[in-house]
């Protein structure tokens, strides 16, 4: 065995140090992006679509960043140093655009991205010639310009015209010019196919992220409309149905009775002397009592029964397919649930009672008269001592 001197330590070249620094920067950005990236639903809160477009532009910037890192590696391997340096500048441009987007800006990162595309296309065409296909990236800026909600339609048309002129000028200047770095026909064929595929892929990715943003906006709109409908039908204090929602249910139930003939019962319940609770303890205590009573009413009826806050301390209950005998039994059970268990509101213990009026809707009857019958029965109960259930006249 022959003895050999140990090899001296390898000193990284400037190019290797640059690649290492770029790798660290990209890793840091990717980590930060993953930690601070907001969901599409959060982004689409802006009614004018600015946040939606910012989300689209952010995705496109990351897509372009990945492409230029790949180009940087390709041109470094083949030794076209001018284009390798150009792609370093492109990577830095998209890093800047992403940082600006992260800070909530839109106009400056949009301009940075647009200038990068035009500059990269012009320089790469000058270096490799028109047949390399780099000119095909320029129309992508027109597409993004028309997607940008911050640009008015007149300015979009002007931008589009200016970009079309720039595109034609680039083609005209490059057509008769000799490439600065001539390459073989095979390499040019590979480059034009690669660039054509990347342009088509970029358009496909842009269509994908735009579709994702639109679908998320539609989902948010449907949720908002459902929430608005819920708010329009719900009493904000008790969470019960409000008068409007219950009126719609009464009409629907009456239509069902007309088809099938099975009656339904209506109860109107009013808390006795409730004003004295508000006067003695204040409205917050009274509100707490109303919420507690609402839960007792809900807990004392079937799943198909409906409970609404009819107004003030008055509630209306709808019991489908229920005759007067059963309705009176349910009403008395609910009355006992209110009166026999004290309510606790902070340091206050409240004893609340309620009076119920009950009426039944039969085929051929009137909703208005049925509710009036239950209401009259309620006031008859108030007049005869409160804390009781009174049957109203049959509404037929």
Protein backbone atom coordinates (compact mmCIF):
# COMPACT_ATOMS: atom_id res chain seq x y z
CA UNK A 1 0.00 0.00 0.00
CA UNK A 2 1.34 3.35 -0.96
CA UNK A 3 1.10 6.27 1.32
CA UNK A 4 -0.70 9.36 -0.07
CA UNK A 5 -0.91 12.81 1.37
CA UNK A 6 -4.30 13.75 2.79
CA UNK A 7 -6.37 15.82 0.43
CA UNK A 8 -6.65 19.48 1.34
CA UNK A 9 -10.08 20.67 2.54
CA UNK A 10 -12.38 21.66 -0.27
CA UNK A 11 -13.12 25.36 -0.29
CA UNK A 12 -16.61 26.11 -1.64
CA UNK A 13 -16.64 28.23 -4.72
CA UNK A 14 -18.56 31.50 -5.01
CA UNK A 15 -21.22 29.75 -7.07
CA UNK A 16 -21.69 27.03 -4.45
CA UNK A 17 -21.96 29.61 -1.68
CA UNK A 18 -24.57 31.49 -3.71
CA UNK A 19 -26.60 28.32 -4.22
CA UNK A 20 -26.40 27.51 -0.50
CA UNK A 21 -27.53 31.02 0.44
CA UNK A 22 -30.41 30.79 -2.04
CA UNK A 23 -31.45 27.41 -0.62
CA UNK A 24 -31.46 28.83 2.92
CA UNK A 25 -33.53 31.80 1.78
CA UNK A 26 -36.08 29.62 0.03
CA UNK A 27 -36.32 27.31 3.05
CA UNK A 28 -36.92 30.30 5.34
CA UNK A 29 -39.60 31.69 3.02
CA UNK A 30 -41.34 28.33 2.66
CA UNK A 31 -41.40 27.86 6.43
CA UNK A 32 -42.74 31.36 7.00
CA UNK A 33 -45.35 30.93 4.31
CA UNK A 34 -46.59 27.71 5.86
CA UNK A 35 -46.83 29.37 9.25
CA UNK A 36 -48.66 32.51 8.21
CA UNK A 37 -50.68 31.39 5.20
CA UNK A 38 -54.37 32.17 5.71
CA UNK A 39 -57.22 30.04 4.45
CA UNK A 40 -59.10 30.90 1.29
CA UNK A 41 -62.25 31.55 3.33
CA UNK A 42 -60.42 34.22 5.34
CA UNK A 43 -58.89 35.77 2.25
CA UNK A 44 -62.17 36.12 0.37
CA UNK A 45 -63.77 38.46 2.91
CA UNK A 46 -63.07 41.46 0.67
CA UNK A 47 -66.20 42.24 -1.36
CA UNK A 48 -64.30 43.85 -4.26
CA UNK A 49 -62.16 40.77 -4.89
CA UNK A 50 -58.83 42.44 -4.03
CA UNK A 51 -57.93 39.81 -1.44
CA UNK A 52 -59.02 37.07 -3.83
CA UNK A 53 -56.68 38.42 -6.52
CA UNK A 54 -53.87 38.80 -3.97
CA UNK A 55 -54.30 35.10 -3.17
CA UNK A 56 -54.16 34.26 -6.90
CA UNK A 57 -51.08 36.45 -7.42
CA UNK A 58 -49.33 34.87 -4.42
CA UNK A 59 -49.86 31.39 -5.84
CA UNK A 60 -48.65 32.49 -9.27
CA UNK A 61 -45.56 34.09 -7.73
CA UNK A 62 -44.67 30.82 -5.98
CA UNK A 63 -45.25 28.92 -9.21
CA UNK A 64 -42.97 31.31 -11.14
CA UNK A 65 -40.35 31.14 -8.38
CA UNK A 66 -40.16 27.36 -8.70
CA UNK A 67 -39.88 27.60 -12.51
CA UNK A 68 -37.03 30.11 -12.34
CA UNK A 69 -35.14 28.04 -9.78
CA UNK A 70 -35.41 25.15 -12.27
CA UNK A 71 -34.23 27.43 -15.12
CA UNK A 72 -31.34 28.57 -12.94
CA UNK A 73 -30.24 24.97 -12.50
CA UNK A 74 -30.62 24.21 -16.23
CA UNK A 75 -28.64 27.21 -17.46
CA UNK A 76 -25.96 26.64 -14.84
CA UNK A 77 -25.52 23.04 -16.04
CA UNK A 78 -25.35 24.00 -19.73
CA UNK A 79 -23.05 26.93 -18.97
CA UNK A 80 -25.18 29.82 -20.27
CA UNK A 81 -24.07 32.13 -17.48
CA UNK A 82 -25.92 35.22 -18.70
CA UNK A 83 -29.26 33.42 -18.41
CA UNK A 84 -28.25 31.80 -15.12
CA UNK A 85 -27.63 35.29 -13.75
CA UNK A 86 -30.93 36.48 -15.26
CA UNK A 87 -32.79 33.72 -13.41
CA UNK A 88 -31.07 34.66 -10.14
CA UNK A 89 -32.49 38.15 -10.68
CA UNK A 90 -35.91 36.63 -11.48
CA UNK A 91 -35.87 34.54 -8.30
CA UNK A 92 -35.00 37.63 -6.25
CA UNK A 93 -37.80 39.58 -8.00
CA UNK A 94 -40.38 36.97 -6.99
CA UNK A 95 -38.99 36.80 -3.46
CA UNK A 96 -39.52 40.57 -3.29
CA UNK A 97 -43.04 40.25 -4.74
CA UNK A 98 -43.95 37.59 -2.16
CA UNK A 99 -42.63 39.71 0.69
CA UNK A 100 -44.68 42.68 -0.53
CA UNK A 101 -47.76 40.49 -0.83
CA UNK A 102 -47.13 39.21 2.68
CA UNK A 103 -47.19 42.81 3.89
CA UNK A 104 -50.63 43.28 2.35
CA UNK A 105 -49.57 45.17 -0.77
CA UNK A 106 -50.90 44.47 -4.24
CA UNK A 107 -49.89 47.16 -6.74
CA UNK A 108 -46.12 46.98 -6.26
CA UNK A 109 -45.84 43.16 -6.36
CA UNK A 110 -48.05 43.13 -9.46
CA UNK A 111 -45.72 45.62 -11.18
CA UNK A 112 -42.64 43.66 -10.06
CA UNK A 113 -44.07 40.44 -11.52
CA UNK A 114 -45.03 42.15 -14.77
CA UNK A 115 -41.62 43.76 -15.25
CA UNK A 116 -39.91 40.45 -14.50
CA UNK A 117 -41.89 38.59 -17.16
CA UNK A 118 -41.28 41.22 -19.84
CA UNK A 119 -37.60 41.67 -18.96
CA UNK A 120 -36.91 37.95 -18.76
CA UNK A 121 -38.65 37.32 -22.09
CA UNK A 122 -36.73 40.14 -23.82
CA UNK A 123 -33.30 39.23 -22.45
CA UNK A 124 -33.69 35.48 -22.98
CA UNK A 125 -34.88 36.09 -26.56
CA UNK A 126 -31.89 38.35 -27.20
CA UNK A 127 -29.47 35.74 -25.82
CA UNK A 128 -30.90 32.59 -27.44
CA UNK A 129 -32.94 33.97 -30.30
CA UNK A 130 -36.60 34.00 -31.22
CA UNK A 131 -36.72 30.25 -31.85
CA UNK A 132 -36.10 29.55 -28.14
CA UNK A 133 -39.74 30.48 -27.42
CA UNK A 134 -39.20 32.80 -24.44
CA UNK A 135 -41.36 35.47 -26.10
CA UNK A 136 -44.44 33.29 -25.38
CA UNK A 137 -44.51 34.36 -21.71
CA UNK A 138 -45.43 38.00 -22.43
CA UNK A 139 -49.21 37.43 -23.01
CA UNK A 140 -49.48 35.98 -19.48
CA UNK A 141 -49.24 39.53 -18.09
CA UNK A 142 -52.29 40.55 -20.12
CA UNK A 143 -54.30 37.73 -18.52
CA UNK A 144 -53.26 38.77 -15.02
CA UNK A 145 -53.98 42.41 -15.81
CA UNK A 146 -57.57 41.60 -16.74
CA UNK A 147 -57.97 39.57 -13.53
CA UNK A 148 -56.74 42.47 -11.36
CA UNK A 149 -59.78 44.16 -9.73
CA UNK A 150 -57.73 47.25 -8.89
CA UNK A 151 -57.35 48.10 -12.58
CA UNK A 152 -60.33 49.80 -14.21
CA UNK A 153 -61.62 48.36 -17.47
CA UNK A 154 -60.34 51.32 -19.52
CA UNK A 155 -56.86 50.89 -18.07
CA UNK A 156 -57.05 47.15 -18.65
CA UNK A 157 -57.68 47.78 -22.34
CA UNK A 158 -54.80 50.29 -22.47
CA UNK A 159 -52.51 47.85 -20.63
CA UNK A 160 -53.52 45.09 -23.00
CA UNK A 161 -52.82 47.26 -26.03
CA UNK A 162 -49.43 48.35 -24.64
CA UNK A 163 -48.48 44.75 -23.91
CA UNK A 164 -49.56 43.73 -27.43
CA UNK A 165 -47.35 46.47 -28.90
CA UNK A 166 -44.45 45.37 -26.69
CA UNK A 167 -45.00 41.77 -27.78
CA UNK A 168 -45.01 42.65 -31.48
CA UNK A 169 -41.98 44.93 -31.03
CA UNK A 170 -40.11 42.11 -29.32
CA UNK A 171 -40.93 39.76 -32.21
CA UNK A 172 -39.91 42.37 -34.78
CA UNK A 173 -36.59 43.16 -33.16
CA UNK A 174 -35.71 39.55 -32.54
CA UNK A 175 -36.68 38.21 -35.95
CA UNK A 176 -33.68 39.49 -37.82
CA UNK A 177 -31.25 39.66 -34.90
CA UNK A 178 -28.48 37.15 -34.30
CA UNK A 179 -28.54 35.39 -30.92
CA UNK A 180 -25.90 36.61 -28.46
CA UNK A 181 -25.20 33.01 -27.43
CA UNK A 182 -25.85 30.69 -30.39
CA UNK A 183 -26.90 27.13 -29.54
CA UNK A 184 -27.56 24.12 -31.70
CA UNK A 185 -30.88 23.36 -33.44
CA UNK A 186 -31.57 20.43 -31.13
CA UNK A 187 -31.20 22.63 -28.06
CA UNK A 188 -33.50 25.24 -29.58
CA UNK A 189 -36.13 22.59 -30.29
CA UNK A 190 -35.96 21.43 -26.68
CA UNK A 191 -36.19 25.03 -25.44
CA UNK A 192 -39.23 25.95 -27.54
CA UNK A 193 -41.05 22.76 -26.57
CA UNK A 194 -40.17 23.32 -22.92
CA UNK A 195 -41.27 26.95 -22.96
CA UNK A 196 -44.48 26.12 -24.81
CA UNK A 197 -45.28 23.45 -22.24
CA UNK A 198 -44.51 25.84 -19.37
CA UNK A 199 -46.75 28.56 -20.83
CA UNK A 200 -49.61 26.09 -21.21
CA UNK A 201 -48.91 24.76 -17.69
CA UNK A 202 -48.87 28.28 -16.28
CA UNK A 203 -52.21 29.07 -17.91
CA UNK A 204 -53.60 25.82 -16.53
CA UNK A 205 -52.32 26.60 -13.04
CA UNK A 206 -53.74 30.13 -13.27
CA UNK A 207 -57.12 28.72 -14.30
CA UNK A 208 -56.95 26.27 -11.39
CA UNK A 209 -56.19 28.84 -8.69
CA UNK A 210 -58.75 31.26 -10.15
CA UNK A 211 -61.37 28.52 -10.10
CA UNK A 212 -60.43 27.67 -6.50
CA UNK A 213 -60.85 31.32 -5.51
CA UNK A 214 -64.21 31.62 -7.27
CA UNK A 215 -65.51 28.41 -5.71
CA UNK A 216 -64.39 29.54 -2.26
CA UNK A 217 -66.12 32.90 -2.82
CA UNK A 218 -69.32 31.09 -3.82
CA UNK A 219 -69.12 28.88 -0.72
CA UNK A 220 -68.65 31.94 1.48
CA UNK A 221 -71.58 33.65 -0.22
CA UNK A 222 -73.83 30.63 0.35
CA UNK A 223 -72.79 30.47 4.01
CA UNK A 224 -73.39 34.20 4.41
CA UNK A 225 -76.83 33.95 2.80
CA UNK A 226 -77.73 30.98 5.01
CA UNK A 227 -76.54 32.91 8.07
CA UNK A 228 -78.54 35.98 7.04
CA UNK A 229 -81.62 33.83 6.56
CA UNK A 230 -81.05 32.28 9.97
CA UNK A 231 -80.69 35.71 11.57
CA UNK A 232 -83.83 36.91 9.82
CA UNK A 233 -85.77 33.96 11.30
CA UNK A 234 -84.27 33.84 14.79
CA UNK A 235 -84.90 35.86 17.92
CA UNK A 236 -81.46 37.18 18.95
CA UNK A 237 -82.11 37.04 22.69
CA UNK A 238 -83.54 33.55 23.15
CA UNK A 239 -82.41 31.78 19.98
CA UNK A 240 -85.99 30.73 19.28
CA UNK A 241 -87.82 31.32 16.04
CA UNK A 242 -89.08 34.87 15.65
CA UNK A 243 -92.59 36.01 14.72
CA UNK A 244 -91.88 36.05 10.98
CA UNK A 245 -90.52 32.49 10.93
CA UNK A 246 -93.39 31.15 13.02
CA UNK A 247 -95.95 32.88 10.77
CA UNK A 248 -94.46 31.06 7.77
CA UNK A 249 -94.62 27.73 9.64
CA UNK A 250 -98.24 28.33 10.63
CA UNK A 251 -99.18 28.95 7.00
CA UNK A 252 -97.31 25.82 5.89
CA UNK A 253 -98.94 23.69 8.59
CA UNK A 254 -102.40 25.02 7.69
CA UNK A 255 -101.79 24.02 4.06
CA UNK A 256 -100.82 20.54 5.24
CA UNK A 257 -104.02 20.24 7.29
CA UNK A 258 -106.07 21.20 4.24
CA UNK A 259 -104.46 18.31 2.34
CA UNK A 260 -104.51 15.61 5.04
CA UNK A 261 -107.16 16.75 7.51
CA UNK A 262 -105.20 16.20 10.72
CA UNK A 263 -105.47 19.24 13.07
CA UNK A 264 -102.69 21.08 14.86
CA UNK A 265 -102.64 23.00 18.13
CA UNK A 266 -101.47 26.52 18.86
CA UNK A 267 -100.44 27.72 22.32
CA UNK A 268 -99.83 31.30 23.34
CA UNK A 269 -97.91 31.55 26.62
CA UNK A 270 -97.23 34.74 28.56
CA UNK A 271 -95.06 35.08 31.68
CA UNK A 272 -97.05 36.52 34.56
CA UNK A 273 -96.08 39.93 35.98
CA UNK A 274 -92.77 39.80 34.14
CA UNK A 275 -92.47 43.58 34.13
CA UNK A 276 -91.98 43.47 37.90
CA UNK A 277 -88.83 41.33 37.42
CA UNK A 278 -87.34 43.87 35.04
CA UNK A 279 -88.27 46.71 37.39
CA UNK A 280 -86.90 45.00 40.51
CA UNK A 281 -83.73 43.38 39.15
CA UNK A 282 -83.01 45.09 35.83
CA UNK A 283 -83.26 43.99 32.22
CA UNK A 284 -80.12 41.77 32.24
CA UNK A 285 -81.79 39.56 34.87
CA UNK A 286 -85.01 39.64 32.88
CA UNK A 287 -83.16 38.64 29.72
CA UNK A 288 -81.56 35.73 31.58
CA UNK A 289 -85.00 34.60 32.73
CA UNK A 290 -86.38 34.76 29.18
CA UNK A 291 -83.53 32.61 27.88
CA UNK A 292 -84.06 30.07 30.67
CA UNK A 293 -87.82 29.89 30.05
CA UNK A 294 -87.19 29.45 26.33
CA UNK A 295 -84.99 26.42 27.05
CA UNK A 296 -87.66 24.91 29.33
CA UNK A 297 -90.28 25.29 26.62
CA UNK A 298 -87.98 23.69 24.03
CA UNK A 299 -87.16 20.84 26.39
CA UNK A 300 -90.82 20.10 27.05
CA UNK A 301 -92.03 19.52 23.48
CA UNK A 302 -91.38 17.04 20.68
CA UNK A 303 -88.72 17.48 18.00
CA UNK A 304 -91.39 18.27 15.39
CA UNK A 305 -93.00 20.97 17.57
CA UNK A 306 -91.98 24.59 17.08
CA UNK A 307 -91.44 27.33 19.68
CA UNK A 308 -91.18 31.05 18.89
CA UNK A 309 -90.79 34.24 20.84
CA UNK A 310 -93.99 35.97 19.76
CA UNK A 311 -93.17 39.31 21.37
CA UNK A 312 -91.88 40.64 24.70
CA UNK A 313 -92.40 37.89 27.27
CA UNK A 314 -94.93 36.08 25.07
CA UNK A 315 -94.26 32.77 23.31
CA UNK A 316 -96.18 30.86 20.66
CA UNK A 317 -95.96 27.09 20.23
CA UNK A 318 -97.04 25.05 17.20
CA UNK A 319 -97.85 21.36 17.79
CA UNK A 320 -98.51 19.48 14.51
CA UNK A 321 -101.12 16.66 14.46
CA UNK A 322 -102.28 17.43 17.99
CA UNK A 323 -105.87 17.54 19.24
CA UNK A 324 -107.16 19.78 22.02
CA UNK A 325 -106.96 17.12 24.77
CA UNK A 326 -103.29 16.40 24.10
CA UNK A 327 -102.51 20.10 23.67
CA UNK A 328 -104.03 20.93 27.06
CA UNK A 329 -101.94 18.19 28.71
CA UNK A 330 -98.75 19.48 27.10
CA UNK A 331 -99.56 23.07 28.05
CA UNK A 332 -100.11 22.13 31.69
CA UNK A 333 -96.85 20.19 31.75
CA UNK A 334 -95.02 23.24 30.38
CA UNK A 335 -96.75 25.50 32.90
CA UNK A 336 -95.50 23.32 35.74
CA UNK A 337 -91.98 23.25 34.25
CA UNK A 338 -91.96 27.05 34.48
CA UNK A 339 -93.56 27.54 37.88
CA UNK A 340 -92.23 24.64 39.96
CA UNK A 341 -88.48 25.22 39.44
CA UNK A 342 -86.97 28.50 40.55
CA UNK A 343 -84.66 30.43 38.23
CA UNK A 344 -81.23 31.54 39.39
CA UNK A 345 -79.77 34.70 37.86
CA UNK A 346 -76.51 35.54 39.58
CA UNK A 347 -77.35 36.18 43.22
CA UNK A 348 -81.08 36.40 42.50
CA UNK A 349 -83.58 33.55 42.76
CA UNK A 350 -86.70 34.10 40.69
CA UNK A 351 -90.08 32.43 40.83
CA UNK A 352 -91.83 32.79 37.51
CA UNK A 353 -95.24 31.57 36.40
CA UNK A 354 -96.91 31.54 33.01
CA UNK A 355 -100.43 31.50 31.62
CA UNK A 356 -101.30 29.48 28.51
CA UNK A 357 -104.06 29.84 25.96
CA UNK A 358 -104.68 26.84 23.69
CA UNK A 359 -106.59 26.58 20.41
CA UNK A 360 -106.77 23.97 17.65
CA UNK A 361 -106.80 24.52 13.90
CA UNK A 362 -109.10 22.25 11.92
CA UNK A 363 -109.55 21.74 8.20
CA UNK A 364 -111.25 24.76 6.65
CA UNK A 365 -110.28 27.02 9.53
CA UNK A 366 -108.36 30.29 9.71
CA UNK A 367 -104.85 30.79 11.08
CA UNK A 368 -105.76 34.29 12.15
CA UNK A 369 -108.84 33.12 14.07
CA UNK A 370 -106.97 30.20 15.64
CA UNK A 371 -104.23 32.45 17.02
CA UNK A 372 -106.89 34.95 18.17
CA UNK A 373 -108.72 32.15 19.98
CA UNK A 374 -105.54 31.12 21.81
CA UNK A 375 -104.84 34.78 22.61
CA UNK A 376 -108.33 35.34 24.03
CA UNK A 377 -107.99 32.18 26.12
CA UNK A 378 -104.66 33.49 27.44
CA UNK A 379 -106.21 36.77 28.58
CA UNK A 380 -109.13 34.92 30.10
CA UNK A 381 -106.59 32.97 32.15
CA UNK A 382 -104.89 36.22 33.20
CA UNK A 383 -108.21 37.64 34.31
CA UNK A 384 -109.09 34.54 36.36
CA UNK A 385 -105.91 34.40 38.42
CA UNK A 386 -102.92 33.61 36.12
CA UNK A 387 -100.64 30.53 36.24
CA UNK A 388 -103.15 28.35 34.43
CA UNK A 389 -104.08 26.80 31.08
CA UNK A 390 -107.27 27.88 29.32
CA UNK A 391 -108.80 26.29 26.23
CA UNK A 392 -109.94 28.63 23.48
CA UNK A 393 -112.92 28.24 21.21
CA UNK A 394 -112.53 25.72 18.42
CA UNK A 395 -111.55 27.53 15.20
CA UNK A 396 -113.31 25.70 12.42
